[in-house]
Amino acid sequence: MLTSVFRSAVPKSSNLLRHTARSMATVDVPVREAINQAIDEEMDRDDRVYVIGEEVAQYQGAYKVTKGLYQK
């Protein structure tokens, strides 16, 4: 899927796709941790981003997705 994103963004004649795809490393991360990291990054990047909902703060969110974000 990621390769198809690169293919649509890079002209076919370019070798950038080959070099980019080879130099990227992957890390196995549980889905809830990946979501947590993404929310955290966006909250750091933009003051207008926040999380609202039931059990977000006191119980750290459903399946602990928002764990640690309330303290920030």
N, C-alpha and C. Protein backbone atom coordinates (compact mmCIF):
# COMPACT_ATOMS: atom_id res chain seq x y z
N MET A 1 0.83 -1.19 0.00
CA MET A 1 0.00 0.00 0.00
C MET A 1 0.87 1.25 0.00
N LEU A 2 1.91 1.28 0.85
CA LEU A 2 2.80 2.43 0.91
C LEU A 2 3.49 2.62 -0.43
N THR A 3 3.87 1.52 -1.07
CA THR A 3 4.52 1.62 -2.36
C THR A 3 3.61 2.26 -3.39
N SER A 4 2.31 1.95 -3.34
CA SER A 4 1.39 2.55 -4.29
C SER A 4 1.26 4.06 -4.07
N VAL A 5 1.40 4.51 -2.84
CA VAL A 5 1.39 5.95 -2.57
C VAL A 5 2.61 6.60 -3.20
N PHE A 6 3.77 5.96 -3.05
CA PHE A 6 4.98 6.50 -3.67
C PHE A 6 4.87 6.48 -5.19
N ARG A 7 4.31 5.42 -5.73
CA ARG A 7 4.20 5.32 -7.18
C ARG A 7 3.33 6.43 -7.75
N SER A 8 2.28 6.78 -7.05
CA SER A 8 1.40 7.83 -7.56
C SER A 8 2.03 9.21 -7.42
N ALA A 9 2.97 9.37 -6.48
CA ALA A 9 3.58 10.67 -6.23
C ALA A 9 4.86 10.88 -7.03
N VAL A 10 5.48 9.81 -7.51
CA VAL A 10 6.77 9.91 -8.18
C VAL A 10 6.60 9.51 -9.65
N PRO A 11 7.16 10.30 -10.56
CA PRO A 11 7.09 9.94 -11.97
C PRO A 11 7.74 8.58 -12.22
N LYS A 12 7.22 7.84 -13.19
CA LYS A 12 7.72 6.49 -13.47
C LYS A 12 9.19 6.49 -13.86
N SER A 13 9.66 7.53 -14.49
CA SER A 13 11.04 7.58 -14.95
C SER A 13 12.03 7.83 -13.82
N SER A 14 11.55 8.17 -12.66
CA SER A 14 12.41 8.52 -11.54
C SER A 14 12.88 7.28 -10.78
N ASN A 15 14.10 7.31 -10.32
CA ASN A 15 14.64 6.22 -9.49
C ASN A 15 14.40 6.49 -8.01
N LEU A 16 13.77 7.60 -7.68
CA LEU A 16 13.53 7.97 -6.29
C LEU A 16 12.74 6.91 -5.56
N LEU A 17 11.78 6.30 -6.23
CA LEU A 17 10.96 5.27 -5.60
C LEU A 17 11.82 4.12 -5.11
N ARG A 18 12.72 3.66 -5.92
CA ARG A 18 13.56 2.53 -5.54
C ARG A 18 14.44 2.87 -4.35
N HIS A 19 15.05 4.03 -4.35
CA HIS A 19 15.93 4.42 -3.26
C HIS A 19 15.15 4.67 -1.97
N THR A 20 13.99 5.28 -2.07
CA THR A 20 13.18 5.57 -0.89
C THR A 20 12.66 4.30 -0.25
N ALA A 21 12.14 3.40 -1.05
CA ALA A 21 11.57 2.16 -0.52
C ALA A 21 12.64 1.30 0.15
N ARG A 22 13.83 1.30 -0.34
CA ARG A 22 14.90 0.49 0.24
C ARG A 22 15.43 1.08 1.53
N SER A 23 15.45 2.38 1.66
CA SER A 23 16.05 3.00 2.83
C SER A 23 15.09 3.12 4.02
N MET A 24 13.82 2.79 3.82
CA MET A 24 12.85 2.90 4.91
C MET A 24 12.90 1.67 5.80
N ALA A 25 12.96 1.90 7.10
CA ALA A 25 12.94 0.80 8.06
C ALA A 25 11.53 0.69 8.64
N THR A 26 11.16 -0.50 9.02
CA THR A 26 9.86 -0.70 9.64
C THR A 26 10.04 -1.19 11.06
N VAL A 27 9.09 -0.85 11.90
CA VAL A 27 9.09 -1.26 13.29
C VAL A 27 7.72 -1.84 13.59
N ASP A 28 7.69 -3.00 14.20
CA ASP A 28 6.41 -3.58 14.60
C ASP A 28 5.91 -2.90 15.86
N VAL A 29 4.73 -2.30 15.77
CA VAL A 29 4.13 -1.58 16.88
C VAL A 29 2.67 -2.01 16.96
N PRO A 30 2.19 -2.29 18.17
CA PRO A 30 0.76 -2.61 18.31
C PRO A 30 -0.10 -1.45 17.79
N VAL A 31 -1.26 -1.77 17.26
CA VAL A 31 -2.13 -0.76 16.67
C VAL A 31 -2.46 0.34 17.67
N ARG A 32 -2.80 -0.03 18.91
CA ARG A 32 -3.17 1.01 19.88
C ARG A 32 -2.00 1.94 20.18
N GLU A 33 -0.77 1.42 20.18
CA GLU A 33 0.39 2.27 20.42
C GLU A 33 0.64 3.19 19.22
N ALA A 34 0.43 2.69 18.02
CA ALA A 34 0.60 3.51 16.82
C ALA A 34 -0.42 4.65 16.80
N ILE A 35 -1.66 4.34 17.17
CA ILE A 35 -2.70 5.38 17.23
C ILE A 35 -2.34 6.41 18.30
N ASN A 36 -1.89 5.93 19.45
CA ASN A 36 -1.49 6.82 20.54
C ASN A 36 -0.36 7.75 20.09
N GLN A 37 0.63 7.21 19.43
CA GLN A 37 1.76 8.01 18.95
C GLN A 37 1.30 9.05 17.93
N ALA A 38 0.41 8.64 17.04
CA ALA A 38 -0.09 9.57 16.01
C ALA A 38 -0.87 10.72 16.64
N ILE A 39 -1.73 10.40 17.59
CA ILE A 39 -2.49 11.46 18.27
C ILE A 39 -1.53 12.38 19.02
N ASP A 40 -0.56 11.81 19.71
CA ASP A 40 0.42 12.59 20.47
C ASP A 40 1.20 13.53 19.55
N GLU A 41 1.66 13.02 18.42
CA GLU A 41 2.41 13.85 17.47
C GLU A 41 1.56 15.00 16.95
N GLU A 42 0.31 14.72 16.63
CA GLU A 42 -0.56 15.77 16.11
C GLU A 42 -0.88 16.81 17.18
N MET A 43 -1.04 16.37 18.42
CA MET A 43 -1.30 17.31 19.51
C MET A 43 -0.09 18.21 19.75
N ASP A 44 1.10 17.67 19.60
CA ASP A 44 2.32 18.48 19.74
C ASP A 44 2.46 19.47 18.58
N ARG A 45 2.07 19.02 17.40
CA ARG A 45 2.23 19.82 16.20
C ARG A 45 1.22 20.97 16.11
N ASP A 46 0.00 20.72 16.57
CA ASP A 46 -1.09 21.69 16.37
C ASP A 46 -1.89 21.85 17.66
N ASP A 47 -1.92 23.05 18.19
CA ASP A 47 -2.64 23.33 19.44
C ASP A 47 -4.15 23.13 19.31
N ARG A 48 -4.66 23.11 18.10
CA ARG A 48 -6.10 22.95 17.89
C ARG A 48 -6.56 21.50 17.96
N VAL A 49 -5.63 20.57 18.05
CA VAL A 49 -5.97 19.14 18.11
C VAL A 49 -6.12 18.73 19.57
N TYR A 50 -7.26 18.08 19.86
CA TYR A 50 -7.49 17.57 21.21
C TYR A 50 -8.40 16.36 21.13
N VAL A 51 -8.46 15.62 22.20
CA VAL A 51 -9.27 14.40 22.24
C VAL A 51 -10.41 14.61 23.22
N ILE A 52 -11.62 14.30 22.78
CA ILE A 52 -12.77 14.35 23.67
C ILE A 52 -13.51 13.02 23.58
N GLY A 53 -14.17 12.66 24.64
CA GLY A 53 -14.95 11.43 24.62
C GLY A 53 -15.04 10.82 26.00
N GLU A 54 -15.77 9.73 26.08
CA GLU A 54 -15.93 9.03 27.35
C GLU A 54 -14.66 8.26 27.70
N GLU A 55 -14.31 8.25 28.95
CA GLU A 55 -13.20 7.47 29.48
C GLU A 55 -11.85 7.85 28.88
N VAL A 56 -11.72 9.02 28.31
CA VAL A 56 -10.45 9.43 27.70
C VAL A 56 -9.40 9.72 28.77
N ALA A 57 -9.77 10.40 29.81
CA ALA A 57 -8.79 10.81 30.82
C ALA A 57 -8.68 9.82 31.97
N GLN A 58 -9.76 9.64 32.70
CA GLN A 58 -9.72 8.85 33.91
C GLN A 58 -9.32 7.39 33.66
N TYR A 59 -9.86 6.79 32.61
CA TYR A 59 -9.58 5.38 32.34
C TYR A 59 -8.59 5.18 31.21
N GLN A 60 -7.97 6.25 30.73
CA GLN A 60 -6.95 6.19 29.68
C GLN A 60 -7.51 5.75 28.33
N GLY A 61 -8.78 5.87 28.13
CA GLY A 61 -9.39 5.57 26.85
C GLY A 61 -9.70 4.10 26.64
N ALA A 62 -10.52 3.84 25.65
CA ALA A 62 -10.86 2.46 25.31
C ALA A 62 -9.59 1.74 24.86
N TYR A 63 -9.34 0.61 25.43
CA TYR A 63 -8.15 -0.20 25.11
C TYR A 63 -6.85 0.57 25.33
N LYS A 64 -6.88 1.58 26.18
CA LYS A 64 -5.70 2.39 26.54
C LYS A 64 -5.11 3.15 25.36
N VAL A 65 -5.94 3.50 24.38
CA VAL A 65 -5.45 4.21 23.20
C VAL A 65 -4.95 5.61 23.55
N THR A 66 -5.59 6.27 24.51
CA THR A 66 -5.18 7.62 24.87
C THR A 66 -4.32 7.66 26.14
N LYS A 67 -3.71 6.54 26.47
CA LYS A 67 -2.90 6.43 27.68
C LYS A 67 -1.77 7.49 27.68
N GLY A 68 -1.73 8.27 28.75
CA GLY A 68 -0.68 9.27 28.92
C GLY A 68 -0.95 10.60 28.25
N LEU A 69 -1.95 10.69 27.40
CA LEU A 69 -2.19 11.95 26.68
C LEU A 69 -2.85 12.99 27.58
N TYR A 70 -3.65 12.57 28.55
CA TYR A 70 -4.31 13.52 29.44
C TYR A 70 -3.29 14.30 30.25
N GLN A 71 -2.24 13.65 30.67
CA GLN A 71 -1.21 14.31 31.49
C GLN A 71 -0.46 15.37 30.68
N LYS A 72 -0.42 15.23 29.39
CA LYS A 72 0.30 16.21 28.56
C LYS A 72 -0.57 17.42 28.34
